[in-house]
Amino acid sequence: MRDVMRGCREAVVVDAVLLADELVTDVLRAGSGLRGVWLTRENDQGQLSIEVDYLTDAASTASRPDEEAWVGRWLLERLAGVWGVRATGPVHTTWARLRW
């Protein structure tokens, strides 16, 4: 991640690491099957895209305790410019864009 973020302020790198960690942790705690993590630096737009792909089904409905879920949601709202979830069949992608 630090290679992708080379040349960015250290505070932005720290935020990006924290955001990516939260997205991956959320997938793992839910019991979903992590498929991959993608980082894309979009220099022309001055942002980093973080995408986490995972498999989900009706059986993987374990939820995080409310307090942890709210902390994770707060981090997304605070750090990401925009974020969301998209689904194609059983494959879901949680994505976030971080401006620098």
N, C-alpha and C. Protein backbone atom coordinates (compact mmCIF):
# COMPACT_ATOMS: atom_id res chain seq x y z
N MET A 1 0.83 -1.18 0.00
CA MET A 1 0.00 0.00 0.00
C MET A 1 0.88 1.25 0.00
N ARG A 2 1.95 1.21 0.78
CA ARG A 2 2.82 2.38 0.82
C ARG A 2 3.45 2.67 -0.54
N ASP A 3 3.70 1.63 -1.34
CA ASP A 3 4.23 1.84 -2.69
C ASP A 3 3.21 2.57 -3.56
N VAL A 4 1.96 2.16 -3.46
CA VAL A 4 0.90 2.81 -4.23
C VAL A 4 0.74 4.27 -3.81
N MET A 5 0.94 4.53 -2.52
CA MET A 5 0.74 5.87 -1.98
C MET A 5 2.01 6.72 -1.96
N ARG A 6 3.08 6.25 -2.56
CA ARG A 6 4.35 6.99 -2.56
C ARG A 6 4.14 8.43 -3.02
N GLY A 7 4.68 9.37 -2.26
CA GLY A 7 4.56 10.79 -2.59
C GLY A 7 3.40 11.48 -1.89
N CYS A 8 2.54 10.71 -1.24
CA CYS A 8 1.42 11.31 -0.50
C CYS A 8 1.87 11.65 0.92
N ARG A 9 1.17 12.57 1.52
CA ARG A 9 1.47 12.92 2.92
C ARG A 9 1.28 11.69 3.80
N GLU A 10 2.09 11.59 4.85
CA GLU A 10 2.03 10.45 5.76
C GLU A 10 0.65 10.29 6.39
N ALA A 11 -0.01 11.38 6.71
CA ALA A 11 -1.35 11.31 7.30
C ALA A 11 -2.35 10.64 6.35
N VAL A 12 -2.21 10.89 5.07
CA VAL A 12 -3.09 10.26 4.08
C VAL A 12 -2.81 8.77 3.99
N VAL A 13 -1.53 8.39 4.03
CA VAL A 13 -1.15 6.98 4.00
C VAL A 13 -1.73 6.25 5.21
N VAL A 14 -1.62 6.86 6.38
CA VAL A 14 -2.16 6.25 7.60
C VAL A 14 -3.68 6.07 7.48
N ASP A 15 -4.38 7.07 6.97
CA ASP A 15 -5.82 6.96 6.78
C ASP A 15 -6.17 5.84 5.80
N ALA A 16 -5.39 5.72 4.72
CA ALA A 16 -5.64 4.68 3.72
C ALA A 16 -5.44 3.29 4.31
N VAL A 17 -4.39 3.11 5.11
CA VAL A 17 -4.14 1.81 5.75
C VAL A 17 -5.28 1.49 6.71
N LEU A 18 -5.71 2.45 7.49
CA LEU A 18 -6.80 2.25 8.44
C LEU A 18 -8.10 1.88 7.72
N LEU A 19 -8.39 2.57 6.65
CA LEU A 19 -9.60 2.32 5.89
C LEU A 19 -9.58 0.93 5.25
N ALA A 20 -8.47 0.56 4.64
CA ALA A 20 -8.36 -0.77 4.03
C ALA A 20 -8.48 -1.86 5.09
N ASP A 21 -7.85 -1.64 6.24
CA ASP A 21 -7.94 -2.60 7.34
C ASP A 21 -9.38 -2.78 7.79
N GLU A 22 -10.11 -1.71 7.92
CA GLU A 22 -11.51 -1.78 8.35
C GLU A 22 -12.36 -2.54 7.34
N LEU A 23 -12.16 -2.28 6.05
CA LEU A 23 -12.95 -2.97 5.04
C LEU A 23 -12.69 -4.47 5.04
N VAL A 24 -11.43 -4.86 5.14
CA VAL A 24 -11.08 -6.28 5.17
C VAL A 24 -11.59 -6.93 6.47
N THR A 25 -11.40 -6.27 7.59
CA THR A 25 -11.85 -6.81 8.87
C THR A 25 -13.35 -7.02 8.88
N ASP A 26 -14.09 -6.10 8.30
CA ASP A 26 -15.54 -6.23 8.26
C ASP A 26 -15.96 -7.50 7.51
N VAL A 27 -15.30 -7.78 6.40
CA VAL A 27 -15.58 -8.99 5.62
C VAL A 27 -15.24 -10.24 6.43
N LEU A 28 -14.09 -10.24 7.05
CA LEU A 28 -13.66 -11.42 7.81
C LEU A 28 -14.55 -11.67 9.01
N ARG A 29 -14.94 -10.63 9.72
CA ARG A 29 -15.81 -10.80 10.89
C ARG A 29 -17.20 -11.28 10.51
N ALA A 30 -17.65 -10.95 9.34
CA ALA A 30 -18.98 -11.38 8.89
C ALA A 30 -18.97 -12.84 8.45
N GLY A 31 -17.79 -13.43 8.36
CA GLY A 31 -17.69 -14.82 7.93
C GLY A 31 -17.78 -15.00 6.44
N SER A 32 -17.61 -13.93 5.70
CA SER A 32 -17.66 -13.99 4.24
C SER A 32 -16.31 -14.46 3.70
N GLY A 33 -16.32 -14.97 2.50
CA GLY A 33 -15.09 -15.46 1.87
C GLY A 33 -14.37 -14.34 1.14
N LEU A 34 -13.29 -13.86 1.71
CA LEU A 34 -12.49 -12.80 1.10
C LEU A 34 -11.92 -13.29 -0.22
N ARG A 35 -12.14 -12.55 -1.29
CA ARG A 35 -11.61 -12.91 -2.61
C ARG A 35 -10.40 -12.08 -2.99
N GLY A 36 -10.35 -10.83 -2.58
CA GLY A 36 -9.23 -10.00 -2.96
C GLY A 36 -9.39 -8.56 -2.54
N VAL A 37 -8.27 -7.86 -2.53
CA VAL A 37 -8.24 -6.44 -2.20
C VAL A 37 -7.50 -5.73 -3.32
N TRP A 38 -8.09 -4.68 -3.84
CA TRP A 38 -7.49 -3.91 -4.92
C TRP A 38 -7.32 -2.46 -4.51
N LEU A 39 -6.14 -1.94 -4.80
CA LEU A 39 -5.83 -0.54 -4.56
C LEU A 39 -5.48 0.09 -5.90
N THR A 40 -6.11 1.21 -6.19
CA THR A 40 -5.84 1.90 -7.44
C THR A 40 -5.66 3.38 -7.16
N ARG A 41 -4.50 3.89 -7.53
CA ARG A 41 -4.25 5.32 -7.35
C ARG A 41 -4.66 6.02 -8.63
N GLU A 42 -5.56 6.96 -8.50
CA GLU A 42 -6.07 7.71 -9.64
C GLU A 42 -5.53 9.13 -9.55
N ASN A 43 -4.33 9.32 -10.12
CA ASN A 43 -3.64 10.60 -9.99
C ASN A 43 -4.42 11.76 -10.59
N ASP A 44 -5.09 11.52 -11.72
CA ASP A 44 -5.82 12.61 -12.35
C ASP A 44 -6.99 13.10 -11.50
N GLN A 45 -7.50 12.24 -10.61
CA GLN A 45 -8.60 12.62 -9.73
C GLN A 45 -8.14 12.87 -8.30
N GLY A 46 -6.85 12.62 -8.02
CA GLY A 46 -6.33 12.85 -6.68
C GLY A 46 -6.97 11.96 -5.63
N GLN A 47 -7.16 10.69 -5.97
CA GLN A 47 -7.79 9.80 -5.01
C GLN A 47 -7.24 8.38 -5.11
N LEU A 48 -7.44 7.64 -4.04
CA LEU A 48 -7.10 6.22 -3.97
C LEU A 48 -8.41 5.45 -3.90
N SER A 49 -8.53 4.43 -4.73
CA SER A 49 -9.68 3.54 -4.69
C SER A 49 -9.28 2.26 -3.98
N ILE A 50 -10.07 1.86 -3.01
CA ILE A 50 -9.86 0.62 -2.28
C ILE A 50 -11.10 -0.23 -2.51
N GLU A 51 -10.89 -1.45 -3.01
CA GLU A 51 -12.01 -2.36 -3.25
C GLU A 51 -11.72 -3.70 -2.60
N VAL A 52 -12.71 -4.24 -1.91
CA VAL A 52 -12.59 -5.54 -1.24
C VAL A 52 -13.71 -6.42 -1.79
N ASP A 53 -13.32 -7.50 -2.47
CA ASP A 53 -14.28 -8.45 -3.01
C ASP A 53 -14.44 -9.62 -2.05
N TYR A 54 -15.68 -10.11 -1.92
CA TYR A 54 -15.94 -11.25 -1.06
C TYR A 54 -17.18 -11.99 -1.53
N LEU A 55 -17.22 -13.26 -1.17
CA LEU A 55 -18.38 -14.09 -1.45
C LEU A 55 -19.29 -14.07 -0.25
N THR A 56 -20.57 -14.01 -0.50
CA THR A 56 -21.52 -14.03 0.60
C THR A 56 -22.72 -14.86 0.20
N ASP A 57 -23.38 -15.42 1.18
CA ASP A 57 -24.61 -16.16 0.96
C ASP A 57 -25.46 -16.04 2.22
N ALA A 58 -26.60 -16.66 2.21
CA ALA A 58 -27.51 -16.55 3.36
C ALA A 58 -26.89 -17.12 4.62
N ALA A 59 -25.95 -18.07 4.49
CA ALA A 59 -25.35 -18.68 5.68
C ALA A 59 -24.34 -17.77 6.36
N SER A 60 -23.80 -16.79 5.65
CA SER A 60 -22.77 -15.92 6.25
C SER A 60 -23.41 -14.64 6.75
N THR A 61 -24.25 -14.77 7.74
CA THR A 61 -24.96 -13.61 8.25
C THR A 61 -24.50 -13.20 9.64
N ALA A 62 -23.34 -13.72 10.08
CA ALA A 62 -22.83 -13.33 11.40
C ALA A 62 -22.62 -11.83 11.40
N SER A 63 -23.10 -11.16 12.40
CA SER A 63 -22.96 -9.70 12.44
C SER A 63 -22.02 -9.28 13.55
N ARG A 64 -21.42 -8.13 13.36
CA ARG A 64 -20.54 -7.56 14.37
C ARG A 64 -21.38 -6.97 15.48
N PRO A 65 -20.84 -6.91 16.67
CA PRO A 65 -21.56 -6.21 17.74
C PRO A 65 -21.84 -4.77 17.31
N ASP A 66 -22.95 -4.23 17.80
CA ASP A 66 -23.39 -2.90 17.38
C ASP A 66 -22.30 -1.84 17.51
N GLU A 67 -21.59 -1.84 18.64
CA GLU A 67 -20.57 -0.81 18.86
C GLU A 67 -19.48 -0.90 17.80
N GLU A 68 -19.02 -2.11 17.49
CA GLU A 68 -17.98 -2.27 16.46
C GLU A 68 -18.50 -1.85 15.09
N ALA A 69 -19.73 -2.18 14.78
CA ALA A 69 -20.30 -1.79 13.49
C ALA A 69 -20.35 -0.28 13.36
N TRP A 70 -20.75 0.41 14.43
CA TRP A 70 -20.83 1.87 14.37
C TRP A 70 -19.46 2.51 14.24
N VAL A 71 -18.47 1.94 14.91
CA VAL A 71 -17.10 2.47 14.78
C VAL A 71 -16.63 2.32 13.35
N GLY A 72 -16.87 1.15 12.76
CA GLY A 72 -16.48 0.93 11.37
C GLY A 72 -17.19 1.87 10.43
N ARG A 73 -18.47 2.09 10.65
CA ARG A 73 -19.25 3.00 9.81
C ARG A 73 -18.74 4.43 9.97
N TRP A 74 -18.40 4.82 11.20
CA TRP A 74 -17.86 6.14 11.45
C TRP A 74 -16.55 6.33 10.69
N LEU A 75 -15.69 5.31 10.72
CA LEU A 75 -14.42 5.40 9.99
C LEU A 75 -14.65 5.59 8.50
N LEU A 76 -15.57 4.83 7.93
CA LEU A 76 -15.88 5.00 6.51
C LEU A 76 -16.37 6.40 6.22
N GLU A 77 -17.31 6.87 7.02
CA GLU A 77 -17.86 8.21 6.81
C GLU A 77 -16.82 9.30 6.98
N ARG A 78 -15.93 9.11 7.93
CA ARG A 78 -14.91 10.12 8.25
C ARG A 78 -13.77 10.14 7.24
N LEU A 79 -13.31 8.97 6.82
CA LEU A 79 -12.09 8.89 6.01
C LEU A 79 -12.35 8.86 4.50
N ALA A 80 -13.42 8.20 4.09
CA ALA A 80 -13.68 8.04 2.66
C ALA A 80 -14.46 9.24 2.12
N GLY A 81 -14.10 9.67 0.92
CA GLY A 81 -14.89 10.70 0.27
C GLY A 81 -16.26 10.16 -0.09
N VAL A 82 -16.28 8.98 -0.65
CA VAL A 82 -17.50 8.24 -0.97
C VAL A 82 -17.21 6.75 -0.77
N TRP A 83 -18.25 5.98 -0.53
CA TRP A 83 -18.08 4.54 -0.39
C TRP A 83 -19.40 3.86 -0.68
N GLY A 84 -19.36 2.56 -0.89
CA GLY A 84 -20.58 1.82 -1.16
C GLY A 84 -20.32 0.34 -1.30
N VAL A 85 -21.37 -0.37 -1.66
CA VAL A 85 -21.31 -1.81 -1.88
C VAL A 85 -22.02 -2.10 -3.19
N ARG A 86 -21.43 -2.97 -4.00
CA ARG A 86 -22.11 -3.43 -5.21
C ARG A 86 -22.06 -4.96 -5.22
N ALA A 87 -23.05 -5.55 -5.86
CA ALA A 87 -23.14 -7.01 -5.88
C ALA A 87 -23.41 -7.50 -7.29
N THR A 88 -22.74 -8.61 -7.61
CA THR A 88 -22.99 -9.34 -8.84
C THR A 88 -23.13 -10.80 -8.43
N GLY A 89 -24.35 -11.24 -8.28
CA GLY A 89 -24.58 -12.59 -7.79
C GLY A 89 -24.04 -12.73 -6.37
N PRO A 90 -23.28 -13.79 -6.12
CA PRO A 90 -22.76 -14.00 -4.77
C PRO A 90 -21.51 -13.16 -4.46
N VAL A 91 -20.97 -12.48 -5.46
CA VAL A 91 -19.77 -11.67 -5.25
C VAL A 91 -20.18 -10.23 -4.91
N HIS A 92 -19.72 -9.77 -3.76
CA HIS A 92 -19.97 -8.40 -3.33
C HIS A 92 -18.64 -7.65 -3.28
N THR A 93 -18.72 -6.37 -3.52
CA THR A 93 -17.53 -5.52 -3.43
C THR A 93 -17.88 -4.31 -2.57
N THR A 94 -17.12 -4.14 -1.49
CA THR A 94 -17.22 -2.91 -0.72
C THR A 94 -16.09 -2.02 -1.22
N TRP A 95 -16.41 -0.79 -1.57
CA TRP A 95 -15.41 0.11 -2.14
C TRP A 95 -15.44 1.44 -1.40
N ALA A 96 -14.30 2.09 -1.46
CA ALA A 96 -14.18 3.42 -0.86
C ALA A 96 -13.18 4.24 -1.67
N ARG A 97 -13.39 5.53 -1.70
CA ARG A 97 -12.48 6.46 -2.39
C ARG A 97 -11.93 7.42 -1.33
N LEU A 98 -10.64 7.55 -1.32
CA LEU A 98 -9.97 8.43 -0.36
C LEU A 98 -9.25 9.52 -1.14
N ARG A 99 -9.58 10.76 -0.86
CA ARG A 99 -8.90 11.89 -1.53
C ARG A 99 -7.64 12.25 -0.77
N TRP A 100 -6.66 12.78 -1.50
CA TRP A 100 -5.46 13.25 -0.82
C TRP A 100 -5.14 14.67 -1.18
